Amino acid sequence: MNFFSLFSNNYPIQTLGENQEISTLCFDSRQAKEGSVFFAIPGTQVDGHQFIPQVIESGCKAFVVERMPDNIPANISIIQVKDANEALAEAAKSFYGNPSQKVNLVGITGTNGKTTTVTLLYDLFTQLGNRCGLISTVQNKINGQIIPSTHTTPDALQLNKLLAEMVQAGCTHIFMEVSSHAVVQKRIHGLTFKVGIFSNITRDHLDFHQTFDEYIKAKKGFFDALGKDSFALTNVDDKRGEVMLQNTKAQKKTFGILNIADFKGKVLANEITGLQLDFDKKTFHAQLIGNFNAYNLLCIYATAILLGEKQEEVILQLSTLRTAPGRFEQFVGRDGKMAIVDYAHTPDALENVLKTIQAIRNKTQKIITVVGCGGNRDSGKRPIMAEISAQLSDYVVLTSDNPRLENPEVILSQMEAGIPKEKKLAYKIISDRHLAIEKAISEIAQANDIVLVAGKGHETYQDIQGVKHHFDDKEEVNKWL
C-alpha cells in the first residue's frame, strides 16, 4: 500500500517526501522497521516524537507526526496531522480494508453491564445461527475461538486488525465493549456501528476523566459520531439516557422497565432460580438473577429485534442464556454455604449486587461481603464502597484488590473511613486476599449463609507493585467451599 493513500482525500494532512510503499503500521518504536509507518503519539507518560531518531535508525522511512521534527533526512516521508491518535485509527481502517463496514458491528458503552451484555449478545446470535465475533474485557472470540484480551477496547491498530480477521472468518455480527477511554483516545474513530448502546452511567474512571461531567461527555461522544444508518439504543430509565441521544444522527430507540420505551420490559419475579420477565407482552423465564440482569436482557432483546431477528426466536433463546464469567457466578458448598463472585468494582454495581442478594435470600441467611478497591484509581469511591458494603451486608471483610503501585494498607484505611459507627463491630480488615476469602467462608459464614466476593470477577491475577501474580477469586472460593 502507498503511504499517502492511508488517508482519504477529505482527511486533512500535510505531506513531505515521496509516496513510499509501506507494509506495516506501528506506534511502538520497538516494532518499527523498514517498510513501517511510525505514528508519533503524545502519551500521558512518554511522547512518541522523542523516539523518531532511533526509529529512523531502525530503517523506518515513513512517519505520521503532530509536530515536524528537526533535521529530517532526505529519504524520509512525513505526514503531519492535528491528532495522531485519530490519524492512527483512520490509517488502520484503510490498511485493513475498512472491516467494520462489512459486518453488523454493535458497540455498548456505560459504566456497568458492558461485558455481560456483549457476551450474551454473542451467545444469543450464535445460537440464532450467525457467525459472530466478540471483543470484551474478559476475552475476544472469533466463531468460538478464544483470543486473550488485554483491554476493554483494543487500540485502533489492534482493533481494526481483529475486525479484519473476524470478517475473513466469515463473521456477520460483531459485539464489542466501548470504554470511555477508547472514545477519548480515538480508538473507535472511523468505525461503522450498526447499533450503539448506552446501558447506564455512575461514578467510575475519575482518575482518568477528572470529573463526572467529562466522563459523561466521553460516553456521549460515541453516540455523537454514529451515522444516520445506525441505531442509537439507550436505557431510558437512566437519567442521562436521553442525554446520550441529543446530538446523534442515528435512529433513536429506547428500552426501559420503569418508563415508556420502544422496548418495554417488566420484572414479574426475581428469585434464586432466575427472573420471570415480560418483554413487549411476551413472558418467559430467564436463568439470570437480579434487576440489573433484567436490563441487560432487555437491551439484548431490543438489539436483536433492531437487527431483524424474529421476536419468538429471540425470546426462546433468551431463556437459555447463562451469565458471563465473573458476573454474579454462584458456587454452593456441601453445608449449603453459597459464594457469589462478581466483578462489581464501582459503588453502583456493588449496591446492585448486594440488593439482588438481599432480594433472593431467605430471612435466616446472612450476607458476608469481601471487598477491596484498586490502587492508582479513583480514591474517592473507596469510603463509598465500604459504606455500601456495611449497610447492605451483615458482615464485611475489607481486603486488597489490585493495589498496583499503592500501599494496600493506605487503600484499606481510606475504605475503613466509610464504615458507619453503628457497624464497627461487624467488619474486619484482612489485607491478604487469600486469607480474607478463607476466613469469610470458613470462619465467619455459617451453614446456608451467602458470601459475596466482589471486585475482580473474571480476573486471574492480582497486580502488586507492577507485577501480576496469579490469583483467581473463583479458585479461592472453590477451595474453601
Protein backbone atom coordinates (compact mmCIF):
# COMPACT_ATOMS: atom_id res chain seq x y z
CA MET A 1 0.00 0.00 0.00
CA ASN A 2 1.17 3.57 -0.70
CA PHE A 3 1.89 5.75 2.31
CA PHE A 4 -0.29 8.73 1.36
CA SER A 5 -3.24 6.52 0.36
CA LEU A 6 -3.74 5.56 4.02
CA PHE A 7 -5.88 8.68 4.29
CA SER A 8 -8.97 9.68 2.32
CA ASN A 9 -8.90 12.81 0.18
CA ASN A 10 -11.01 14.75 2.66
CA TYR A 11 -8.79 13.92 5.64
CA PRO A 12 -6.59 16.99 6.42
CA ILE A 13 -2.88 16.18 6.14
CA GLN A 14 0.34 17.91 5.13
CA THR A 15 2.91 15.75 3.36
CA LEU A 16 6.66 15.88 2.95
CA GLY A 17 8.73 13.49 0.86
CA GLU A 18 7.81 10.69 -1.55
CA ASN A 19 4.75 8.43 -1.53
CA GLN A 20 6.52 5.27 -0.38
CA GLU A 21 5.32 1.67 -0.32
CA ILE A 22 4.61 0.52 3.23
CA SER A 23 3.88 -2.89 4.75
CA THR A 24 3.13 -2.33 8.45
CA LEU A 25 1.78 0.32 10.83
CA CYS A 26 3.10 0.87 14.35
CA PHE A 27 3.17 3.36 17.22
CA ASP A 28 5.65 1.40 19.37
CA SER A 29 9.19 2.43 18.39
CA ARG A 30 10.45 -1.09 19.18
CA GLN A 31 8.30 -2.52 16.37
CA ALA A 32 9.43 -0.05 13.70
CA LYS A 33 11.44 -1.40 10.77
CA GLU A 34 11.96 -0.88 7.05
CA GLY A 35 8.55 -0.66 5.38
CA SER A 36 6.81 0.57 8.56
CA VAL A 37 4.86 3.72 9.18
CA PHE A 38 5.61 5.06 12.65
CA PHE A 39 2.90 7.14 14.35
CA ALA A 40 4.40 9.56 16.86
CA ILE A 41 1.68 9.72 19.51
CA PRO A 42 1.96 12.06 22.52
CA GLY A 43 1.10 9.91 25.55
CA THR A 44 0.42 10.67 29.18
CA GLN A 45 3.88 9.40 30.20
CA VAL A 46 6.02 9.45 27.04
CA ASP A 47 5.83 11.30 23.74
CA GLY A 48 6.34 9.22 20.60
CA HIS A 49 8.06 12.18 18.89
CA GLN A 50 11.14 11.71 21.08
CA PHE A 51 11.76 8.27 19.53
CA ILE A 52 11.85 9.47 15.91
CA PRO A 53 15.70 9.48 15.65
CA GLN A 54 16.03 5.86 16.82
CA VAL A 55 13.11 4.81 14.60
CA ILE A 56 14.93 6.28 11.62
CA GLU A 57 17.98 4.22 12.60
CA SER A 58 15.82 1.06 12.52
CA GLY A 59 15.23 1.61 8.80
CA CYS A 60 11.76 3.14 9.00
CA LYS A 61 11.30 5.95 6.46
CA ALA A 62 7.60 6.91 6.87
CA PHE A 63 6.20 8.93 9.77
CA VAL A 64 2.92 10.44 10.93
CA VAL A 65 3.51 13.29 13.36
CA GLU A 66 1.77 16.16 15.11
CA ARG A 67 4.97 18.25 15.21
CA MET A 68 7.54 18.33 12.43
CA PRO A 69 10.91 17.07 13.68
CA ASP A 70 14.17 18.95 13.13
CA ASN A 71 16.94 17.80 10.79
CA ILE A 72 14.87 15.44 8.63
CA PRO A 73 16.99 13.17 6.37
CA ALA A 74 16.32 13.48 2.63
CA ASN A 75 14.91 9.96 2.25
CA ILE A 76 12.21 10.38 4.92
CA SER A 77 8.49 10.85 4.16
CA ILE A 78 6.25 12.56 6.71
CA ILE A 79 2.56 13.27 7.12
CA GLN A 80 1.63 15.96 9.64
CA VAL A 81 -1.78 15.74 11.33
CA LYS A 82 -3.64 17.55 14.07
CA ASP A 83 -4.38 14.40 16.11
CA ALA A 84 -2.07 11.37 15.83
CA ASN A 85 -4.47 9.05 17.68
CA GLU A 86 -7.24 9.88 15.23
CA ALA A 87 -4.84 9.53 12.30
CA LEU A 88 -3.80 6.07 13.52
CA ALA A 89 -7.44 4.99 13.58
CA GLU A 90 -8.04 6.47 10.12
CA ALA A 91 -4.96 4.74 8.69
CA ALA A 92 -5.69 1.41 10.39
CA LYS A 93 -9.19 1.44 8.92
CA SER A 94 -7.78 1.91 5.40
CA PHE A 95 -4.87 -0.51 5.88
CA TYR A 96 -7.19 -3.35 6.92
CA GLY A 97 -9.83 -2.68 4.27
CA ASN A 98 -12.45 -0.86 6.36
CA PRO A 99 -13.67 -4.09 8.02
CA SER A 100 -16.40 -2.51 10.19
CA GLN A 101 -18.39 -1.61 7.05
CA LYS A 102 -18.64 -5.29 6.10
CA VAL A 103 -20.43 -6.55 9.24
CA ASN A 104 -23.15 -5.67 11.72
CA LEU A 105 -20.97 -4.04 14.37
CA VAL A 106 -22.65 -3.45 17.74
CA GLY A 107 -20.94 -1.38 20.42
CA ILE A 108 -22.06 -0.83 24.00
CA THR A 109 -20.87 1.83 26.39
CA GLY A 110 -21.81 2.53 30.00
CA THR A 111 -20.42 2.00 33.49
CA ASN A 112 -21.91 -1.39 34.33
CA GLY A 113 -23.15 -4.35 32.29
CA LYS A 114 -20.99 -3.99 29.18
CA THR A 115 -19.23 -7.33 29.44
CA THR A 116 -22.37 -9.26 30.34
CA THR A 117 -24.33 -7.67 27.51
CA VAL A 118 -21.80 -8.23 24.70
CA THR A 119 -21.10 -11.78 25.89
CA LEU A 120 -24.79 -12.65 25.96
CA LEU A 121 -25.34 -10.96 22.58
CA TYR A 122 -22.54 -13.11 21.16
CA ASP A 123 -24.12 -16.25 22.67
CA LEU A 124 -27.63 -15.31 21.51
CA PHE A 125 -26.71 -14.52 17.92
CA THR A 126 -24.53 -17.63 17.70
CA GLN A 127 -27.49 -19.72 18.88
CA LEU A 128 -29.64 -17.98 16.25
CA GLY A 129 -27.31 -19.36 13.57
CA ASN A 130 -24.98 -16.43 12.90
CA ARG A 131 -21.19 -16.40 12.71
CA CYS A 132 -20.10 -13.96 15.40
CA GLY A 133 -17.17 -12.06 16.86
CA LEU A 134 -16.75 -10.81 20.43
CA ILE A 135 -14.48 -8.04 21.76
CA SER A 136 -14.72 -7.77 25.54
CA THR A 137 -12.87 -7.15 28.79
CA VAL A 138 -12.78 -10.89 29.53
CA GLN A 139 -11.86 -12.31 26.14
CA ASN A 140 -12.18 -11.92 22.39
CA LYS A 141 -13.79 -14.62 20.27
CA ILE A 142 -13.99 -15.45 16.58
CA ASN A 143 -16.61 -18.13 15.91
CA GLY A 144 -15.88 -19.80 19.24
CA GLN A 145 -12.08 -19.47 19.05
CA ILE A 146 -10.87 -17.62 22.14
CA ILE A 147 -8.26 -14.88 21.82
CA PRO A 148 -6.86 -13.36 25.04
CA SER A 149 -7.98 -9.82 25.87
CA THR A 150 -5.77 -7.15 27.43
CA HIS A 151 -8.03 -4.08 27.27
CA THR A 152 -11.77 -3.39 27.35
CA THR A 153 -11.35 -1.85 23.89
CA PRO A 154 -8.09 -2.57 21.97
CA ASP A 155 -6.03 0.23 20.42
CA ALA A 156 -7.14 1.33 16.94
CA LEU A 157 -4.49 -0.75 15.18
CA GLN A 158 -5.24 -3.99 17.00
CA LEU A 159 -8.97 -3.32 16.81
CA ASN A 160 -9.08 -2.96 13.04
CA LYS A 161 -6.77 -5.97 12.65
CA LEU A 162 -9.09 -8.03 14.85
CA LEU A 163 -12.17 -6.85 12.94
CA ALA A 164 -10.48 -7.79 9.66
CA GLU A 165 -9.72 -11.28 11.00
CA MET A 166 -13.36 -11.65 12.01
CA VAL A 167 -14.52 -10.58 8.54
CA GLN A 168 -12.05 -13.04 6.99
CA ALA A 169 -13.52 -15.79 9.20
CA GLY A 170 -17.00 -15.07 7.84
CA CYS A 171 -18.44 -13.22 10.84
CA THR A 172 -21.63 -11.31 10.08
CA HIS A 173 -22.16 -9.87 13.59
CA ILE A 174 -19.54 -8.44 15.96
CA PHE A 175 -20.27 -7.30 19.52
CA MET A 176 -17.82 -5.09 21.37
CA GLU A 177 -17.43 -3.07 24.55
CA VAL A 178 -16.67 0.61 24.04
CA SER A 179 -14.86 2.12 27.01
CA SER A 180 -14.80 5.84 27.75
CA HIS A 181 -11.01 5.72 27.35
CA ALA A 182 -11.50 4.32 23.82
CA VAL A 183 -13.74 7.22 22.83
CA VAL A 184 -11.40 9.92 24.17
CA GLN A 185 -8.29 8.25 22.72
CA LYS A 186 -9.98 7.85 19.29
CA ARG A 187 -9.57 4.06 19.28
CA ILE A 188 -13.00 3.64 17.66
CA HIS A 189 -12.69 6.64 15.32
CA GLY A 190 -13.93 5.86 11.81
CA LEU A 191 -15.66 2.59 12.67
CA THR A 192 -19.14 1.98 11.26
CA PHE A 193 -21.50 0.82 14.01
CA LYS A 194 -24.88 -0.66 13.13
CA VAL A 195 -26.06 -0.27 16.74
CA GLY A 196 -24.64 1.88 19.53
CA ILE A 197 -25.96 1.06 23.03
CA PHE A 198 -25.96 3.03 26.28
CA SER A 199 -26.50 0.91 29.42
CA ASN A 200 -26.10 3.30 32.38
CA ILE A 201 -23.63 5.70 33.93
CA THR A 202 -22.38 6.06 37.50
CA ARG A 203 -19.13 7.21 39.08
CA ASP A 204 -16.05 5.48 37.61
CA HIS A 205 -12.67 6.24 35.99
CA LEU A 206 -12.41 9.72 37.55
CA ASP A 207 -8.67 9.12 37.82
CA PHE A 208 -8.65 9.44 34.01
CA HIS A 209 -11.53 11.83 33.27
CA GLN A 210 -11.07 14.01 36.39
CA THR A 211 -14.76 14.98 36.63
CA PHE A 212 -18.05 13.14 36.26
CA ASP A 213 -19.13 15.64 33.56
CA GLU A 214 -16.07 14.75 31.49
CA TYR A 215 -16.88 11.06 31.94
CA ILE A 216 -20.43 11.66 30.69
CA LYS A 217 -19.09 13.70 27.77
CA ALA A 218 -16.78 10.82 26.80
CA LYS A 219 -19.67 8.36 26.70
CA LYS A 220 -21.80 10.78 24.72
CA GLY A 221 -19.01 11.16 22.16
CA PHE A 222 -19.70 7.61 21.00
CA PHE A 223 -23.29 8.50 20.03
CA ASP A 224 -22.37 11.87 18.55
CA ALA A 225 -20.25 10.02 15.98
CA LEU A 226 -22.91 7.49 14.87
CA GLY A 227 -24.18 7.78 11.29
CA LYS A 228 -27.76 8.16 10.05
CA ASP A 229 -27.95 4.49 9.05
CA SER A 230 -27.18 3.35 12.61
CA PHE A 231 -29.42 2.80 15.62
CA ALA A 232 -28.72 4.59 18.91
CA LEU A 233 -30.30 2.47 21.66
CA THR A 234 -30.45 3.92 25.16
CA ASN A 235 -31.65 2.95 28.63
CA VAL A 236 -34.45 5.46 29.17
CA ASP A 237 -34.58 4.63 32.91
CA ASP A 238 -31.12 6.11 33.44
CA LYS A 239 -31.50 9.85 33.99
CA ARG A 240 -28.72 10.50 31.46
CA GLY A 241 -30.01 8.01 28.91
CA GLU A 242 -31.68 10.55 26.67
CA VAL A 243 -28.74 12.97 27.04
CA MET A 244 -26.71 10.47 25.02
CA LEU A 245 -29.08 10.91 22.06
CA GLN A 246 -29.16 14.71 21.92
CA ASN A 247 -26.74 15.20 19.02
CA THR A 248 -26.73 11.82 17.33
CA LYS A 249 -27.60 11.44 13.65
CA ALA A 250 -28.62 7.82 14.29
CA GLN A 251 -32.16 6.49 14.57
CA LYS A 252 -33.11 6.88 18.25
CA LYS A 253 -34.52 3.89 20.15
CA THR A 254 -35.14 3.32 23.86
CA PHE A 255 -35.54 0.41 26.27
CA GLY A 256 -36.80 0.56 29.83
CA ILE A 257 -38.67 -1.06 32.69
CA LEU A 258 -39.86 1.99 34.67
CA ASN A 259 -40.63 4.44 31.85
CA ILE A 260 -42.35 4.43 28.47
CA ALA A 261 -39.96 2.98 25.90
CA ASP A 262 -39.78 1.50 22.41
CA PHE A 263 -38.84 -1.81 24.01
CA LYS A 264 -40.71 -2.24 27.30
CA GLY A 265 -39.85 -4.77 30.00
CA LYS A 266 -41.39 -5.83 33.29
CA VAL A 267 -39.92 -7.94 36.12
CA LEU A 268 -42.62 -10.37 37.27
CA ALA A 269 -40.41 -12.26 39.73
CA ASN A 270 -36.77 -12.15 40.89
CA GLU A 271 -35.80 -15.36 42.67
CA ILE A 272 -32.80 -17.60 43.34
CA THR A 273 -33.87 -19.71 40.34
CA GLY A 274 -33.88 -16.74 37.97
CA LEU A 275 -36.07 -13.97 36.59
CA GLN A 276 -39.65 -14.12 35.35
CA LEU A 277 -39.87 -11.40 32.70
CA ASP A 278 -42.32 -9.75 30.33
CA PHE A 279 -40.84 -8.15 27.21
CA ASP A 280 -43.32 -6.42 24.93
CA LYS A 281 -46.12 -8.59 26.39
CA LYS A 282 -44.19 -11.85 25.89
CA THR A 283 -43.43 -13.66 29.17
CA PHE A 284 -40.52 -16.03 29.78
CA HIS A 285 -38.19 -17.35 32.48
CA ALA A 286 -34.50 -16.36 32.42
CA GLN A 287 -31.71 -18.17 34.26
CA LEU A 288 -30.02 -14.89 35.21
CA ILE A 289 -30.75 -13.21 38.55
CA GLY A 290 -31.31 -9.59 39.56
CA ASN A 291 -32.94 -6.44 38.22
CA PHE A 292 -29.64 -5.37 36.65
CA ASN A 293 -29.75 -8.53 34.54
CA ALA A 294 -33.33 -7.73 33.57
CA TYR A 295 -31.95 -4.55 31.99
CA ASN A 296 -29.12 -6.46 30.33
CA LEU A 297 -31.56 -8.95 28.82
CA LEU A 298 -33.97 -6.23 27.70
CA CYS A 299 -31.11 -4.43 25.98
CA ILE A 300 -30.09 -7.67 24.25
CA TYR A 301 -33.69 -8.31 23.17
CA ALA A 302 -34.02 -4.79 21.73
CA THR A 303 -30.74 -5.11 19.82
CA ALA A 304 -31.78 -8.43 18.30
CA ILE A 305 -35.10 -7.01 17.10
CA LEU A 306 -33.38 -3.94 15.61
CA LEU A 307 -31.05 -6.29 13.72
CA GLY A 308 -34.01 -8.11 12.19
CA GLU A 309 -34.29 -11.25 14.33
CA LYS A 310 -37.75 -12.75 14.99
CA GLN A 311 -39.29 -11.99 18.38
CA GLU A 312 -40.38 -15.57 19.11
CA GLU A 313 -36.91 -16.99 18.39
CA VAL A 314 -35.19 -14.30 20.42
CA ILE A 315 -37.42 -14.86 23.47
CA LEU A 316 -36.89 -18.63 23.24
CA GLN A 317 -33.10 -18.28 23.19
CA LEU A 318 -33.03 -15.61 25.93
CA SER A 319 -34.37 -18.20 28.37
CA THR A 320 -31.30 -20.41 27.80
CA LEU A 321 -28.58 -17.77 28.33
CA ARG A 322 -26.18 -18.03 31.27
CA THR A 323 -24.12 -15.31 32.91
CA ALA A 324 -20.74 -14.10 31.67
CA PRO A 325 -17.60 -15.27 33.57
CA GLY A 326 -17.18 -13.48 36.90
CA ARG A 327 -20.58 -11.83 36.71
CA PHE A 328 -22.80 -13.00 39.59
CA GLU A 329 -21.33 -16.50 39.35
CA GLN A 330 -22.68 -18.76 42.10
CA PHE A 331 -20.92 -21.58 43.94
CA VAL A 332 -22.53 -23.81 46.59
CA GLY A 333 -20.75 -25.87 49.26
CA ARG A 334 -21.80 -29.12 50.90
CA ASP A 335 -23.06 -27.32 54.02
CA GLY A 336 -25.29 -25.05 51.95
CA LYS A 337 -22.99 -22.04 52.08
CA MET A 338 -23.16 -20.06 48.88
CA ALA A 339 -20.47 -17.82 47.40
CA ILE A 340 -21.07 -15.30 44.64
CA VAL A 341 -18.14 -13.94 42.62
CA ASP A 342 -18.83 -10.65 40.88
CA TYR A 343 -16.77 -8.02 39.08
CA ALA A 344 -18.61 -5.19 40.92
CA HIS A 345 -15.91 -2.55 41.34
CA THR A 346 -18.00 0.63 41.34
CA PRO A 347 -20.37 1.84 44.08
CA ASP A 348 -23.43 1.42 41.86
CA ALA A 349 -22.51 -2.10 40.72
CA LEU A 350 -21.78 -3.20 44.29
CA GLU A 351 -25.08 -1.78 45.52
CA ASN A 352 -26.99 -3.54 42.71
CA VAL A 353 -25.38 -6.90 43.50
CA LEU A 354 -25.97 -6.63 47.26
CA LYS A 355 -29.59 -5.56 46.80
CA THR A 356 -30.08 -8.50 44.47
CA ILE A 357 -28.68 -10.89 47.09
CA GLN A 358 -30.95 -9.33 49.72
CA ALA A 359 -33.96 -9.85 47.46
CA ILE A 360 -33.30 -13.55 46.85
CA ARG A 361 -32.03 -14.71 50.27
CA ASN A 362 -34.26 -16.17 52.95
CA LYS A 363 -34.58 -14.49 56.36
CA THR A 364 -32.08 -16.77 58.09
CA GLN A 365 -29.24 -16.27 55.61
CA LYS A 366 -26.56 -13.73 56.45
CA ILE A 367 -24.58 -11.83 53.81
CA ILE A 368 -20.80 -11.60 54.24
CA THR A 369 -19.06 -9.30 51.75
CA VAL A 370 -15.37 -9.49 50.84
CA VAL A 371 -14.40 -6.31 49.02
CA GLY A 372 -11.43 -4.10 48.17
CA CYS A 373 -10.58 -1.18 45.87
CA GLY A 374 -7.93 -0.95 43.18
CA GLY A 375 -4.82 1.17 43.55
CA ASN A 376 -3.87 4.09 41.29
CA ARG A 377 -7.53 4.63 40.50
CA ASP A 378 -10.28 6.96 41.75
CA SER A 379 -9.67 7.07 45.52
CA GLY A 380 -12.90 8.97 46.18
CA LYS A 381 -15.02 5.86 45.76
CA ARG A 382 -13.16 3.87 48.44
CA PRO A 383 -15.14 5.00 51.52
CA ILE A 384 -18.34 4.86 49.45
CA MET A 385 -17.72 1.21 48.54
CA ALA A 386 -17.07 0.33 52.19
CA GLU A 387 -20.18 2.16 53.37
CA ILE A 388 -22.40 0.39 50.83
CA SER A 389 -20.93 -2.97 51.84
CA ALA A 390 -21.53 -2.27 55.54
CA GLN A 391 -25.08 -1.02 55.07
CA LEU A 392 -26.20 -3.92 52.86
CA SER A 393 -24.27 -6.81 54.47
CA ASP A 394 -24.33 -8.50 57.86
CA TYR A 395 -20.54 -8.60 57.96
CA VAL A 396 -17.77 -7.08 55.83
CA VAL A 397 -14.18 -8.13 55.22
CA LEU A 398 -12.13 -5.31 53.72
CA THR A 399 -9.24 -6.70 51.71
CA SER A 400 -6.77 -5.95 48.95
CA ASP A 401 -7.92 -5.83 45.33
CA ASN A 402 -5.28 -4.84 42.76
CA PRO A 403 -3.18 -2.41 44.80
CA ARG A 404 -0.93 -1.79 41.80
CA LEU A 405 1.72 0.72 42.87
CA GLU A 406 -0.09 1.89 46.01
CA ASN A 407 0.33 0.66 49.58
CA PRO A 408 -2.68 -1.64 50.23
CA GLU A 409 -2.80 -0.54 53.88
CA VAL A 410 -3.40 3.06 52.76
CA ILE A 411 -6.22 1.95 50.45
CA LEU A 412 -7.82 -0.06 53.25
CA SER A 413 -7.53 2.85 55.66
CA GLN A 414 -9.37 5.06 53.18
CA MET A 415 -12.06 2.41 52.79
CA GLU A 416 -12.39 1.96 56.54
CA ALA A 417 -13.28 5.65 56.89
CA GLY A 418 -16.59 4.86 55.18
CA ILE A 419 -17.72 2.23 57.71
CA PRO A 420 -20.65 3.73 59.73
CA LYS A 421 -20.16 3.91 63.52
CA GLU A 422 -23.02 1.50 64.21
CA LYS A 423 -21.25 -1.14 62.05
CA LYS A 424 -17.86 -1.01 63.79
CA LEU A 425 -18.26 -4.48 65.28
CA ALA A 426 -19.41 -6.04 62.00
CA TYR A 427 -16.26 -5.80 59.91
CA LYS A 428 -12.58 -6.67 59.86
CA ILE A 429 -9.58 -5.81 57.74
CA ILE A 430 -7.56 -8.66 56.22
CA SER A 431 -5.15 -7.30 53.65
CA ASP A 432 -4.17 -10.73 52.26
CA ARG A 433 -6.95 -11.58 49.80
CA HIS A 434 -6.28 -15.35 50.04
CA LEU A 435 -6.76 -15.19 53.81
CA ALA A 436 -9.73 -12.83 53.58
CA ILE A 437 -11.69 -15.24 51.38
CA GLU A 438 -10.70 -18.21 53.55
CA LYS A 439 -11.81 -16.50 56.79
CA ALA A 440 -15.06 -15.26 55.26
CA ILE A 441 -16.10 -18.70 54.04
CA SER A 442 -14.58 -20.99 56.68
CA GLU A 443 -14.99 -18.98 59.88
CA ILE A 444 -17.41 -16.07 59.53
CA ALA A 445 -20.07 -17.67 57.32
CA GLN A 446 -22.30 -20.31 58.85
CA ALA A 447 -24.32 -23.02 57.08
CA ASN A 448 -26.54 -21.55 54.32
CA ASP A 449 -25.00 -18.06 54.55
CA ILE A 450 -24.02 -16.14 51.40
CA VAL A 451 -20.51 -14.79 50.80
CA LEU A 452 -20.07 -12.14 48.12
CA VAL A 453 -16.51 -11.83 46.78
CA ALA A 454 -16.56 -8.56 44.85
CA GLY A 455 -14.27 -6.53 42.64
CA LYS A 456 -12.20 -8.90 40.49
CA GLY A 457 -14.69 -11.27 38.88
CA HIS A 458 -13.10 -12.93 35.85
CA GLU A 459 -9.55 -11.71 36.57
CA THR A 460 -6.91 -14.37 37.15
CA TYR A 461 -4.21 -12.13 38.61
CA GLN A 462 -3.51 -9.65 41.39
CA ASP A 463 -1.45 -6.60 40.40
CA ILE A 464 1.05 -5.77 43.18
CA GLN A 465 3.85 -3.25 42.61
CA GLY A 466 3.67 -3.67 38.86
CA VAL A 467 3.83 -7.48 38.95
CA LYS A 468 0.80 -9.62 38.11
CA HIS A 469 0.63 -12.64 40.45
CA HIS A 470 -1.76 -15.49 39.72
CA PHE A 471 -4.95 -15.01 41.69
CA ASP A 472 -8.45 -16.24 40.85
CA ASP A 473 -11.38 -15.48 43.18
CA LYS A 474 -13.27 -18.48 41.78
CA GLU A 475 -10.39 -20.84 42.60
CA GLU A 476 -10.19 -19.47 46.14
CA VAL A 477 -13.94 -19.79 46.64
CA ASN A 478 -13.99 -23.39 45.42
CA LYS A 479 -11.03 -24.23 47.66
CA TRP A 480 -12.80 -23.13 50.85
CA LEU A 481 -16.35 -24.18 49.94
